[in-house]
Amino acid sequence: MSKIDILVIGGGPAGMVAAVTAKKNYPDKKISLIRKEEKGVVPCGIPYIFDRLNSVNEDIMPSQPLIDNGVDLVVGEVTKIKTEEKIVVLKDEKIYQYDKLILALGSESHLVPIPGLDKPGVWQVRKDCQYLEELRKAALKAKNIAIIGGGFIGVEFAEELSSLRNLKISIVEMLEHCLLTNFDQEFALAAEEKLKKKGVKIYTGAKIKEVSGQDKVEYLELENGEKIAADLVILSIGARPNIDLAKEAGIRTEEKGGIWVDEYMRTSQPDILAIGDCAQTKDFITGRNIPVMLASVAASEARIAANNLYQIKLIRENKGTLGVFSTYINGLTLAAAGLTERRAKEEKFEYIVGQAQAPNRHPGKLPGAELIRVKLIFAKSSEGLLLGAEMMGPESVGEMINAVAMAIQHQATLYDFNTWQIATHPLLTSAPTVYPLIAAAQEAMLKLKSK
């Protein structure tokens, strides 16, 4: 039996950040990380293994940060957690006793109830190097690829694959538009337009009746009778948290999935914490349980858990996840944080919207100038609390949304935006006179005053 002070199960972004952060906070503690795979992939990089990256090996998550920080890496599969004895048992029967245990068990895709998904030629999005290498080889030989699911992963796969030779790419999405769970319609439409310009065919409001073919997949049949040619299908829906190990150990899990945790990522069992995709997440604005599986959220939770293992050293001000998203589609960056207008309406908030657009250079005739469009959602009250933001434009939008996320987290109001002190430069930003975040807040303020 090996005795470990802090034991981390899981080698994804959550586990890596937790182990390194814990070692920095508690340098005298013995820390080990257990993961199944010899090599782990960078989850966010998976869609880019077909063209931008030359192989799956270029998407490997390095183990060097663990080694450099004195964290022991164990390759093995944990089969049992015994909470009373504070031990974990591996498949090879090795036993590790822990003082503190961090569960970073991640998530995995699973087959949704569509007939025919067991046919050869149907692929899932798995965080497995060998599996992904086989998927890459099959995709490079394919002629017609159909992607089931028009969320972030689905559209990123489509955008990447559409750059390859004469492949015909289709997306089948059950909702009215792709990305509609993360953006309002006008942003989703802009993304779809970019995909269509790359030749991607999009079927929205579509339900799949069956994945059909003789010995392997040949086409998708929709409920309306339409058939979509496909010799390879990528299933980009149906991810769920890995909670079986925790459930069997008597750790509390929630009906909607995920291990129950408090605001410091502590589970129902003493000295056991859970972070990342396997842990339950709550919406920062509404407090409702929402499934958010992002590496950025996982890393944030990992830092919270690792900083507060033995005592509360870092007060957690973030009482939930903001769901900060960004994606890149054929030259267009889309980003969001907090509530979209659609979700604000669904949650029955009284809200007001401010919108603005401006070039990312000033004057706008400068080379490289592109339009940034901003949409801010504020509470319709005297305080005008910021509830959410969406934006699209050049790559800089991916960083702008992070500043807005901090504003939401610290309960900024539309009045704060009006007095926001910013740095501007002709080659780097919009003009100070029309800075889109401030201009959008000003529009909202005028609407609020006119009510």
Protein backbone atom coordinates (compact mmCIF):
# COMPACT_ATOMS: atom_id res chain seq x y z
CA MET A 1 0.00 0.00 0.00
CA SER A 2 1.31 3.44 -0.98
CA LYS A 3 0.46 6.35 1.30
CA ILE A 4 -0.27 9.63 -0.48
CA ASP A 5 -1.15 13.00 1.03
CA ILE A 6 -3.11 14.29 -1.98
CA LEU A 7 -4.32 11.86 -4.61
CA VAL A 8 -5.84 13.02 -7.91
CA ILE A 9 -7.79 10.61 -10.13
CA GLY A 10 -7.93 11.80 -13.74
CA GLY A 11 -5.37 13.25 -16.12
CA GLY A 12 -7.42 15.76 -18.09
CA PRO A 13 -7.21 19.55 -17.69
CA ALA A 14 -8.96 19.43 -14.30
CA GLY A 15 -6.65 16.77 -12.85
CA MET A 16 -3.48 18.34 -14.23
CA VAL A 17 -4.28 21.82 -12.89
CA ALA A 18 -5.40 20.42 -9.52
CA ALA A 19 -2.23 18.40 -9.01
CA VAL A 20 0.16 21.21 -9.97
CA THR A 21 -1.78 23.84 -7.99
CA ALA A 22 -1.88 21.58 -4.92
CA LYS A 23 1.88 21.03 -5.09
CA LYS A 24 2.51 24.78 -5.30
CA ASN A 25 0.25 25.39 -2.30
CA TYR A 26 1.47 22.42 -0.27
CA PRO A 27 5.07 21.76 -1.42
CA ASP A 28 5.78 19.38 1.48
CA LYS A 29 2.87 17.07 0.66
CA LYS A 30 3.27 13.91 -1.38
CA ILE A 31 1.01 14.23 -4.41
CA SER A 32 0.17 11.59 -7.03
CA LEU A 33 -2.02 11.68 -10.12
CA ILE A 34 -3.57 8.49 -11.50
CA ARG A 35 -4.79 8.32 -15.09
CA LYS A 36 -5.82 5.45 -17.36
CA GLU A 37 -3.84 6.43 -20.44
CA GLU A 38 -0.12 6.63 -21.01
CA LYS A 39 -0.83 9.68 -23.16
CA GLY A 40 -3.77 12.05 -22.83
CA VAL A 41 -5.13 14.39 -25.50
CA VAL A 42 -5.98 18.07 -25.23
CA PRO A 43 -9.81 17.84 -25.40
CA CYS A 44 -10.33 21.23 -27.09
CA GLY A 45 -7.84 20.31 -29.80
CA ILE A 46 -9.64 17.14 -30.94
CA PRO A 47 -11.61 18.81 -33.79
CA TYR A 48 -8.33 20.04 -35.31
CA ILE A 49 -6.54 16.69 -35.72
CA PHE A 50 -7.55 16.40 -39.40
CA ASP A 51 -5.95 19.48 -40.98
CA ARG A 52 -4.46 22.11 -38.67
CA LEU A 53 -2.65 19.35 -36.75
CA ASN A 54 -0.82 16.67 -38.74
CA SER A 55 -1.60 13.86 -36.32
CA VAL A 56 -3.21 13.07 -32.98
CA ASN A 57 0.30 13.07 -31.49
CA GLU A 58 0.39 16.82 -32.03
CA ASP A 59 -2.61 17.11 -29.68
CA ILE A 60 -1.01 15.36 -26.71
CA MET A 61 -1.32 16.94 -23.26
CA PRO A 62 2.24 17.08 -21.92
CA SER A 63 3.08 15.35 -18.64
CA GLN A 64 6.13 17.55 -18.09
CA PRO A 65 4.31 20.07 -15.83
CA LEU A 66 3.64 17.20 -13.39
CA ILE A 67 7.26 16.06 -13.45
CA ASP A 68 8.62 19.61 -13.15
CA ASN A 69 6.48 20.22 -10.07
CA GLY A 70 7.28 16.95 -8.32
CA VAL A 71 3.94 15.22 -8.84
CA ASP A 72 4.11 11.43 -9.20
CA LEU A 73 2.31 10.12 -12.29
CA VAL A 74 0.68 6.69 -12.06
CA VAL A 75 -0.76 5.03 -15.15
CA GLY A 76 -3.58 2.74 -14.12
CA GLU A 77 -7.34 2.37 -13.77
CA VAL A 78 -9.06 2.95 -10.43
CA THR A 79 -11.79 0.37 -9.93
CA LYS A 80 -12.91 1.13 -6.38
CA ILE A 81 -12.90 3.89 -3.77
CA LYS A 82 -13.31 2.83 -0.14
CA THR A 83 -14.21 6.03 1.67
CA GLU A 84 -14.12 4.65 5.24
CA GLU A 85 -10.61 3.25 4.82
CA LYS A 86 -9.58 6.20 2.62
CA ILE A 87 -8.08 3.97 -0.06
CA VAL A 88 -8.43 3.51 -3.80
CA VAL A 89 -7.91 0.18 -5.55
CA LEU A 90 -6.51 -0.13 -9.06
CA LYS A 91 -7.30 -2.74 -11.68
CA ASP A 92 -3.85 -4.29 -11.13
CA GLU A 93 -4.75 -4.54 -7.41
CA LYS A 94 -2.36 -1.83 -6.30
CA ILE A 95 -3.71 0.15 -3.35
CA TYR A 96 -3.23 3.83 -2.56
CA GLN A 97 -4.16 5.38 0.77
CA TYR A 98 -4.97 9.07 0.67
CA ASP A 99 -5.41 11.95 3.07
CA LYS A 100 -7.21 14.10 0.47
CA LEU A 101 -8.76 12.78 -2.74
CA ILE A 102 -9.65 14.86 -5.81
CA LEU A 103 -11.92 13.27 -8.40
CA ALA A 104 -11.33 14.59 -11.92
CA LEU A 105 -13.09 11.73 -13.67
CA GLY A 106 -14.16 13.70 -16.73
CA SER A 107 -16.96 12.80 -19.13
CA GLU A 108 -17.46 10.50 -22.07
CA SER A 109 -19.69 10.31 -25.11
CA HIS A 110 -22.38 7.67 -25.23
CA LEU A 111 -24.74 6.42 -27.88
CA VAL A 112 -28.10 8.19 -27.97
CA PRO A 113 -31.20 6.13 -28.89
CA ILE A 114 -30.97 6.34 -32.69
CA PRO A 115 -31.28 3.02 -34.57
CA GLY A 116 -28.14 2.05 -36.45
CA LEU A 117 -25.51 3.83 -34.39
CA ASP A 118 -23.75 0.51 -33.87
CA LYS A 119 -22.93 0.22 -37.58
CA PRO A 120 -19.29 0.38 -38.73
CA GLY A 121 -18.48 3.90 -39.84
CA VAL A 122 -20.14 5.61 -36.87
CA TRP A 123 -17.61 7.36 -34.62
CA GLN A 124 -17.86 9.05 -31.26
CA VAL A 125 -15.73 11.89 -29.89
CA ARG A 126 -13.52 10.02 -27.45
CA LYS A 127 -10.46 11.27 -25.55
CA ASP A 128 -8.47 8.24 -26.63
CA CYS A 129 -5.33 8.65 -28.75
CA GLN A 130 -5.55 5.34 -30.63
CA TYR A 131 -9.29 5.71 -31.29
CA LEU A 132 -8.83 9.26 -32.58
CA GLU A 133 -5.96 8.21 -34.83
CA GLU A 134 -8.23 5.57 -36.38
CA LEU A 135 -10.98 8.19 -36.80
CA ARG A 136 -8.50 10.52 -38.50
CA LYS A 137 -7.43 7.81 -40.96
CA ALA A 138 -11.05 6.93 -41.76
CA ALA A 139 -12.02 10.59 -42.25
CA LEU A 140 -9.14 11.20 -44.66
CA LYS A 141 -10.45 8.33 -46.82
CA ALA A 142 -14.15 9.29 -46.63
CA LYS A 143 -16.25 11.03 -49.29
CA ASN A 144 -19.38 12.02 -47.36
CA ILE A 145 -19.19 12.85 -43.65
CA ALA A 146 -22.31 13.55 -41.60
CA ILE A 147 -22.00 15.13 -38.17
CA ILE A 148 -24.87 14.57 -35.74
CA GLY A 149 -25.10 17.58 -33.45
CA GLY A 150 -24.57 21.26 -34.21
CA GLY A 151 -23.05 22.40 -30.92
CA PHE A 152 -19.50 23.68 -30.49
CA ILE A 153 -17.81 20.35 -31.16
CA GLY A 154 -20.01 19.60 -34.16
CA VAL A 155 -19.45 22.91 -35.94
CA GLU A 156 -15.72 22.86 -35.17
CA PHE A 157 -15.43 19.36 -36.69
CA ALA A 158 -17.38 20.55 -39.74
CA GLU A 159 -15.26 23.66 -40.21
CA GLU A 160 -12.03 21.68 -39.92
CA LEU A 161 -13.09 18.80 -42.17
CA SER A 162 -14.44 21.17 -44.83
CA SER A 163 -10.84 22.26 -45.49
CA LEU A 164 -9.94 18.78 -46.75
CA ARG A 165 -9.97 18.10 -50.52
CA ASN A 166 -13.46 17.40 -51.93
CA LEU A 167 -15.13 16.03 -48.83
CA LYS A 168 -18.87 16.66 -48.58
CA ILE A 169 -19.77 17.63 -45.00
CA SER A 170 -23.25 17.72 -43.48
CA ILE A 171 -24.47 18.75 -40.02
CA VAL A 172 -27.76 17.46 -38.67
CA GLU A 173 -29.12 19.50 -35.77
CA MET A 174 -32.42 18.95 -33.98
CA LEU A 175 -32.83 22.61 -32.94
CA GLU A 176 -33.74 25.46 -35.30
CA HIS A 177 -30.10 26.47 -35.68
CA CYS A 178 -26.60 25.29 -34.83
CA LEU A 179 -25.09 26.70 -31.59
CA LEU A 180 -28.55 27.78 -30.41
CA THR A 181 -27.97 26.51 -26.88
CA ASN A 182 -25.08 28.96 -26.54
CA PHE A 183 -25.98 31.96 -28.69
CA ASP A 184 -29.00 33.96 -29.78
CA GLN A 185 -30.34 33.41 -33.26
CA GLU A 186 -28.53 36.26 -35.03
CA PHE A 187 -25.16 34.94 -33.83
CA ALA A 188 -26.07 31.35 -34.71
CA LEU A 189 -27.10 32.46 -38.21
CA ALA A 190 -23.77 34.22 -38.71
CA ALA A 191 -21.95 31.00 -37.79
CA GLU A 192 -24.10 28.95 -40.16
CA GLU A 193 -23.40 31.39 -42.98
CA LYS A 194 -19.66 30.95 -42.46
CA LEU A 195 -20.04 27.16 -42.55
CA LYS A 196 -22.13 27.29 -45.72
CA LYS A 197 -19.43 29.37 -47.41
CA LYS A 198 -17.08 26.47 -46.78
CA GLY A 199 -19.53 24.11 -48.45
CA VAL A 200 -21.03 22.57 -45.32
CA LYS A 201 -24.66 21.52 -45.78
CA ILE A 202 -26.76 22.17 -42.68
CA TYR A 203 -29.99 20.40 -41.77
CA THR A 204 -31.69 22.13 -38.84
CA GLY A 205 -34.93 21.28 -37.07
CA ALA A 206 -34.13 17.74 -38.22
CA LYS A 207 -34.62 14.47 -36.40
CA ILE A 208 -32.83 11.30 -37.46
CA LYS A 209 -35.01 8.26 -37.98
CA GLU A 210 -32.18 5.81 -38.63
CA VAL A 211 -28.53 5.41 -39.51
CA SER A 212 -28.79 3.12 -42.52
CA GLY A 213 -26.61 0.89 -44.68
CA GLN A 214 -25.85 -2.72 -45.49
CA ASP A 215 -22.54 -3.76 -43.95
CA LYS A 216 -21.65 -0.23 -42.82
CA VAL A 217 -23.18 3.22 -42.69
CA GLU A 218 -24.28 4.56 -46.09
CA TYR A 219 -26.76 7.32 -45.27
CA LEU A 220 -28.82 9.00 -42.58
CA GLU A 221 -32.58 8.87 -42.95
CA LEU A 222 -34.47 11.80 -41.43
CA GLU A 223 -37.98 11.55 -40.03
CA ASN A 224 -39.27 13.57 -42.99
CA GLY A 225 -37.96 10.85 -45.33
CA GLU A 226 -34.95 12.79 -46.59
CA LYS A 227 -31.72 10.81 -46.97
CA ILE A 228 -28.23 12.23 -46.39
CA ALA A 229 -25.30 10.37 -47.96
CA ALA A 230 -22.69 9.41 -45.38
CA ASP A 231 -19.92 6.84 -45.44
CA LEU A 232 -18.69 8.19 -42.09
CA VAL A 233 -20.75 9.62 -39.21
CA ILE A 234 -19.42 11.59 -36.25
CA LEU A 235 -21.65 11.65 -33.19
CA SER A 236 -21.07 14.93 -31.35
CA ILE A 237 -23.94 14.71 -28.87
CA GLY A 238 -24.61 12.69 -25.76
CA ALA A 239 -21.65 13.50 -23.48
CA ARG A 240 -22.27 12.60 -19.84
CA PRO A 241 -20.23 12.88 -16.63
CA ASN A 242 -18.31 9.85 -15.38
CA ILE A 243 -19.91 9.29 -11.99
CA ASP A 244 -20.13 5.50 -11.64
CA LEU A 245 -16.97 5.22 -9.53
CA ALA A 246 -18.22 7.93 -7.15
CA LYS A 247 -21.74 6.51 -7.02
CA GLU A 248 -20.48 3.04 -6.10
CA ALA A 249 -18.42 4.62 -3.30
CA GLY A 250 -21.54 6.19 -1.77
CA ILE A 251 -20.68 9.73 -2.85
CA ARG A 252 -23.75 11.82 -3.53
CA THR A 253 -24.63 12.36 -7.19
CA GLU A 254 -27.45 14.41 -8.68
CA GLU A 255 -30.35 13.27 -10.85
CA LYS A 256 -29.33 15.50 -13.76
CA GLY A 257 -25.84 14.05 -13.65
CA GLY A 258 -22.68 15.06 -11.93
CA ILE A 259 -21.22 14.60 -8.47
CA TRP A 260 -22.75 16.97 -5.93
CA VAL A 261 -20.26 19.58 -4.71
CA ASP A 262 -20.40 22.70 -2.56
CA GLU A 263 -18.88 26.04 -3.57
CA TYR A 264 -15.40 24.79 -2.64
CA MET A 265 -15.82 21.62 -4.74
CA ARG A 266 -16.18 19.39 -1.66
CA THR A 267 -18.35 16.28 -2.09
CA SER A 268 -20.68 14.66 0.44
CA GLN A 269 -17.78 12.55 1.73
CA PRO A 270 -15.10 14.11 3.98
CA ASP A 271 -11.74 14.81 2.33
CA ILE A 272 -13.03 14.02 -1.18
CA LEU A 273 -13.46 16.76 -3.78
CA ALA A 274 -14.75 16.61 -7.36
CA ILE A 275 -13.89 18.91 -10.25
CA GLY A 276 -14.37 19.28 -13.98
CA ASP A 277 -16.87 17.44 -16.17
CA CYS A 278 -17.73 14.85 -13.49
CA ALA A 279 -18.82 17.53 -11.00
CA GLN A 280 -22.17 19.22 -10.95
CA THR A 281 -22.20 22.83 -12.12
CA LYS A 282 -24.58 25.64 -11.21
CA ASP A 283 -25.39 28.67 -13.28
CA PHE A 284 -23.87 31.85 -11.84
CA ILE A 285 -26.94 33.95 -12.64
CA THR A 286 -29.86 31.59 -11.97
CA GLY A 287 -28.37 29.09 -9.51
CA ARG A 288 -29.87 26.24 -11.55
CA ASN A 289 -27.96 23.03 -12.24
CA ILE A 290 -26.62 23.17 -15.79
CA PRO A 291 -24.35 20.76 -17.68
CA VAL A 292 -21.26 22.77 -18.65
CA MET A 293 -18.30 20.69 -19.81
CA LEU A 294 -15.47 23.07 -20.64
CA ALA A 295 -11.74 22.88 -19.95
CA SER A 296 -11.82 26.50 -18.77
CA VAL A 297 -14.47 25.69 -16.16
CA ALA A 298 -12.58 22.55 -15.13
CA ALA A 299 -9.35 24.52 -14.63
CA SER A 300 -11.13 27.15 -12.54
CA GLU A 301 -12.70 24.49 -10.32
CA ALA A 302 -9.35 22.72 -10.00
CA ARG A 303 -7.70 25.87 -8.65
CA ILE A 304 -10.53 26.39 -6.16
CA ALA A 305 -10.27 22.80 -4.90
CA ALA A 306 -6.46 22.72 -4.73
CA ASN A 307 -6.20 26.05 -2.94
CA ASN A 308 -8.60 25.00 -0.19
CA LEU A 309 -7.73 21.38 0.53
CA TYR A 310 -6.72 21.80 4.17
CA GLN A 311 -8.15 25.19 5.06
CA ILE A 312 -10.03 27.94 3.27
CA LYS A 313 -7.17 29.97 1.85
CA LEU A 314 -8.96 31.40 -1.16
CA ILE A 315 -12.51 32.63 -0.62
CA ARG A 316 -14.60 31.60 -3.57
CA GLU A 317 -16.49 34.60 -4.86
CA ASN A 318 -17.73 32.79 -7.94
CA LYS A 319 -20.93 31.07 -6.83
CA GLY A 320 -21.42 29.23 -10.09
CA THR A 321 -20.24 28.95 -13.66
CA LEU A 322 -20.65 31.77 -16.14
CA GLY A 323 -20.43 29.37 -19.05
CA VAL A 324 -17.85 31.47 -20.90
CA PHE A 325 -17.64 30.15 -24.47
CA SER A 326 -15.74 30.99 -27.61
CA THR A 327 -15.35 29.31 -30.97
CA TYR A 328 -13.81 30.05 -34.36
CA ILE A 329 -15.59 29.31 -37.63
CA ASN A 330 -14.04 30.15 -40.99
CA GLY A 331 -12.56 33.46 -39.89
CA LEU A 332 -15.36 34.41 -37.48
CA THR A 333 -14.92 34.30 -33.71
CA LEU A 334 -18.06 33.96 -31.60
CA ALA A 335 -18.07 34.28 -27.82
CA ALA A 336 -20.58 34.43 -24.99
CA ALA A 337 -20.70 34.69 -21.20
CA GLY A 338 -23.61 34.55 -18.77
CA LEU A 339 -27.17 34.65 -20.09
CA THR A 340 -28.11 35.05 -23.72
CA GLU A 341 -31.29 36.99 -24.46
CA ARG A 342 -33.02 33.70 -25.25
CA ARG A 343 -32.14 32.26 -21.84
CA ALA A 344 -33.01 35.48 -20.02
CA LYS A 345 -36.46 35.27 -21.60
CA GLU A 346 -36.82 31.59 -20.70
CA GLU A 347 -35.83 32.32 -17.10
CA LYS A 348 -38.40 35.17 -17.03
CA PHE A 349 -35.88 37.91 -16.24
CA GLU A 350 -36.89 41.51 -16.82
CA TYR A 351 -34.02 42.60 -19.00
CA ILE A 352 -32.84 45.23 -21.42
CA VAL A 353 -30.50 44.79 -24.40
CA GLY A 354 -27.74 47.07 -25.60
CA GLN A 355 -26.06 46.47 -28.95
CA ALA A 356 -23.22 48.11 -30.84
CA GLN A 357 -20.71 47.44 -33.57
CA ALA A 358 -17.44 49.05 -34.55
CA PRO A 359 -14.24 48.22 -36.47
CA ASN A 360 -11.42 46.71 -34.43
CA ARG A 361 -9.08 49.40 -35.80
CA HIS A 362 -9.35 53.16 -35.96
CA PRO A 363 -9.75 54.62 -38.44
CA GLY A 364 -11.69 51.76 -39.95
CA LYS A 365 -9.85 52.06 -43.26
CA LEU A 366 -6.67 50.68 -41.70
CA PRO A 367 -5.49 47.31 -43.10
CA GLY A 368 -6.89 44.37 -41.18
CA ALA A 369 -9.93 46.24 -39.88
CA GLU A 370 -12.86 43.92 -39.11
CA LEU A 371 -16.22 44.58 -37.53
CA ILE A 372 -16.85 43.65 -33.89
CA ARG A 373 -20.50 43.20 -32.93
CA VAL A 374 -21.51 43.25 -29.25
CA LYS A 375 -24.76 42.40 -27.49
CA LEU A 376 -25.09 42.99 -23.74
CA ILE A 377 -27.96 41.82 -21.52
CA PHE A 378 -28.69 43.91 -18.43
CA ALA A 379 -31.29 43.53 -15.66
CA LYS A 380 -34.13 45.98 -16.21
CA SER A 381 -33.75 47.66 -12.83
CA SER A 382 -32.29 50.83 -11.39
CA GLU A 383 -28.96 49.02 -10.86
CA GLY A 384 -28.81 47.62 -14.40
CA LEU A 385 -26.80 44.52 -13.43
CA LEU A 386 -24.94 42.84 -16.29
CA LEU A 387 -26.47 39.40 -16.93
CA GLY A 388 -24.74 38.29 -20.08
CA ALA A 389 -22.86 39.14 -23.24
CA GLU A 390 -22.41 37.88 -26.78
CA MET A 391 -20.00 39.10 -29.40
CA MET A 392 -18.60 38.15 -32.76
CA GLY A 393 -15.82 39.41 -35.00
CA PRO A 394 -12.05 38.90 -35.31
CA GLU A 395 -9.89 36.78 -33.01
CA SER A 396 -9.59 39.54 -30.37
CA VAL A 397 -13.22 38.80 -29.43
CA GLY A 398 -11.93 35.61 -27.78
CA GLU A 399 -10.08 37.72 -25.20
CA MET A 400 -12.68 40.50 -24.92
CA ILE A 401 -15.22 38.00 -23.62
CA ASN A 402 -12.88 37.12 -20.74
CA ALA A 403 -12.91 40.75 -19.56
CA VAL A 404 -16.71 40.78 -19.75
CA ALA A 405 -16.88 37.51 -17.80
CA MET A 406 -14.93 39.13 -14.97
CA ALA A 407 -17.37 42.05 -15.08
CA ILE A 408 -20.34 39.68 -14.68
CA GLN A 409 -18.57 37.78 -11.90
CA HIS A 410 -18.04 41.02 -9.98
CA GLN A 411 -21.60 42.21 -10.58
CA ALA A 412 -20.82 45.13 -12.86
CA THR A 413 -23.68 47.37 -13.97
CA LEU A 414 -24.31 49.33 -17.13
CA TYR A 415 -23.19 52.42 -15.20
CA ASP A 416 -19.81 50.76 -14.58
CA PHE A 417 -19.39 50.34 -18.33
CA ASN A 418 -20.09 54.04 -18.82
CA THR A 419 -17.15 54.94 -16.57
CA TRP A 420 -14.88 52.13 -17.78
CA GLN A 421 -11.32 53.32 -18.38
CA ILE A 422 -9.82 51.60 -21.38
CA ALA A 423 -6.62 51.55 -23.42
CA THR A 424 -6.97 52.03 -27.16
CA HIS A 425 -4.58 52.07 -30.10
CA PRO A 426 -5.30 52.53 -33.81
CA LEU A 427 -3.75 49.16 -34.75
CA LEU A 428 -5.12 47.18 -31.79
CA THR A 429 -8.62 48.30 -30.78
CA SER A 430 -11.79 50.09 -31.72
CA ALA A 431 -11.79 53.86 -31.32
CA PRO A 432 -12.42 55.16 -27.78
CA THR A 433 -15.35 57.17 -29.16
CA VAL A 434 -17.20 54.06 -30.36
CA TYR A 435 -15.71 51.27 -28.22
CA PRO A 436 -18.43 48.63 -28.72
CA LEU A 437 -18.76 47.38 -25.13
CA ILE A 438 -19.22 50.93 -23.83
CA ALA A 439 -21.47 51.91 -26.75
CA ALA A 440 -23.72 48.87 -26.14
CA ALA A 441 -24.04 49.80 -22.45
CA GLN A 442 -24.89 53.37 -23.40
CA GLU A 443 -27.64 52.17 -25.72
CA ALA A 444 -29.05 50.05 -22.88
CA MET A 445 -28.92 53.01 -20.53
CA LEU A 446 -30.91 55.17 -22.94
CA LYS A 447 -33.52 52.43 -23.22
CA LEU A 448 -33.69 52.15 -19.43
CA LYS A 449 -34.16 55.89 -19.02
CA SER A 450 -36.92 55.98 -21.61
CA LYS A 451 -38.97 53.33 -19.80
